[in-house]
């Protein structure tokens, strides 16, 4: 599997909508497509006007598998970017600061 970053800009009207999307994503990824895709983490973006987007890190067999997962889970996909390498300076913080 390869690692990808997925941009989902302004995909949800509220954090509650995002939570419902996360549940669908987990159900499809872990239940239906576990051989092709793994959700690693997401960063929630403040998009203005109360809407939120995400930057998601996934491992997947291909960009097509990411698109199939998004279609089945009713998730937006604005861009899929392959990750070449990881430079870890610090672990992710427990909570994001504003």
Protein backbone atom coordinates (compact mmCIF):
# COMPACT_ATOMS: atom_id res chain seq x y z
CA UNK A 1 0.00 0.00 0.00
CA UNK A 2 1.06 3.58 -0.67
CA UNK A 3 0.43 6.65 1.47
CA UNK A 4 -1.72 9.51 0.19
CA UNK A 5 -2.95 12.89 1.41
CA UNK A 6 -6.55 13.67 0.46
CA UNK A 7 -7.85 17.24 0.45
CA UNK A 8 -11.55 17.61 1.21
CA UNK A 9 -12.20 21.37 1.20
CA UNK A 10 -15.47 22.70 2.62
CA UNK A 11 -17.01 19.24 2.55
CA UNK A 12 -19.28 19.61 5.58
CA UNK A 13 -21.58 22.28 6.97
CA UNK A 14 -20.76 21.46 10.59
CA UNK A 15 -18.59 19.30 12.84
CA UNK A 16 -21.65 17.05 13.35
CA UNK A 17 -21.86 16.40 9.59
CA UNK A 18 -18.16 15.57 9.64
CA UNK A 19 -18.68 13.11 12.51
CA UNK A 20 -21.39 11.29 10.52
CA UNK A 21 -19.04 11.17 7.51
CA UNK A 22 -16.25 9.74 9.69
CA UNK A 23 -18.57 6.95 10.82
CA UNK A 24 -19.47 6.12 7.19
CA UNK A 25 -15.80 6.23 6.21
CA UNK A 26 -14.82 3.80 8.96
CA UNK A 27 -17.68 1.44 8.14
CA UNK A 28 -16.78 1.28 4.45
CA UNK A 29 -13.00 1.26 4.94
CA UNK A 30 -12.85 -1.31 7.71
CA UNK A 31 -15.87 -3.37 6.70
CA UNK A 32 -15.97 -3.39 2.91
CA UNK A 33 -12.53 -2.37 1.65
CA UNK A 34 -10.04 -3.37 4.36
CA UNK A 35 -7.66 -4.96 1.82
CA UNK A 36 -7.48 -1.74 -0.23
CA UNK A 37 -7.60 1.21 2.15
CA UNK A 38 -6.62 2.29 5.67
CA UNK A 39 -7.53 5.63 7.25
CA UNK A 40 -4.53 6.84 9.26
CA UNK A 41 -5.54 10.32 10.50
CA UNK A 42 -7.28 13.54 9.54
CA UNK A 43 -6.80 17.19 10.33
CA UNK A 44 -10.00 19.25 10.43
CA UNK A 45 -9.84 22.61 8.64
CA UNK A 46 -11.85 25.71 9.49
CA UNK A 47 -13.21 26.77 6.11
CA UNK A 48 -15.20 29.85 7.17
CA UNK A 49 -18.92 30.34 7.48
CA UNK A 50 -19.11 27.40 9.89
CA UNK A 51 -18.13 24.79 7.30
CA UNK A 52 -15.22 22.40 7.79
CA UNK A 53 -12.89 20.51 5.50
CA UNK A 54 -10.18 17.94 6.10
CA UNK A 55 -6.69 16.92 5.14
CA UNK A 56 -6.70 13.13 5.45
CA UNK A 57 -3.82 10.68 5.46
CA UNK A 58 -4.67 7.26 4.05
CA UNK A 59 -2.81 4.18 2.94
CA UNK A 60 -4.38 2.68 -0.16
CA UNK A 61 -3.69 0.28 -2.97
CA UNK A 62 -4.31 3.07 -5.52
CA UNK A 63 -5.93 6.49 -6.06
CA UNK A 64 -8.84 4.59 -7.64
CA UNK A 65 -9.39 2.73 -4.34
CA UNK A 66 -9.54 6.10 -2.56
CA UNK A 67 -12.13 7.36 -5.05
CA UNK A 68 -14.16 4.13 -4.69
CA UNK A 69 -14.08 4.42 -0.89
CA UNK A 70 -15.16 8.08 -1.09
CA UNK A 71 -18.01 7.19 -3.44
CA UNK A 72 -19.29 4.39 -1.22
CA UNK A 73 -19.02 6.55 1.94
CA UNK A 74 -20.40 9.70 0.25
CA UNK A 75 -17.24 11.74 0.88
CA UNK A 76 -15.88 14.59 -1.23
CA UNK A 77 -12.43 14.32 -2.80
CA UNK A 78 -10.85 17.51 -4.12
CA UNK A 79 -7.34 16.22 -4.58
CA UNK A 80 -5.31 13.04 -3.99
CA UNK A 81 -1.58 13.57 -3.50
CA UNK A 82 0.92 10.68 -3.23
CA UNK A 83 3.30 10.94 -0.25
CA UNK A 84 6.93 10.27 -1.13
CA UNK A 85 8.38 10.23 2.38
CA UNK A 86 7.73 11.24 5.99
CA UNK A 87 9.83 13.59 8.09
CA UNK A 88 8.71 13.27 11.70
CA UNK A 89 9.95 16.12 13.87
CA UNK A 90 7.40 15.71 16.67
CA UNK A 91 4.37 13.56 17.31
CA UNK A 92 0.99 15.11 16.56
CA UNK A 93 -0.35 17.18 19.44
CA UNK A 94 -3.24 15.70 21.41
CA UNK A 95 -5.52 18.59 20.46
CA UNK A 96 -5.12 21.37 17.97
CA UNK A 97 -4.63 24.84 19.37
CA UNK A 98 -6.32 27.89 17.90
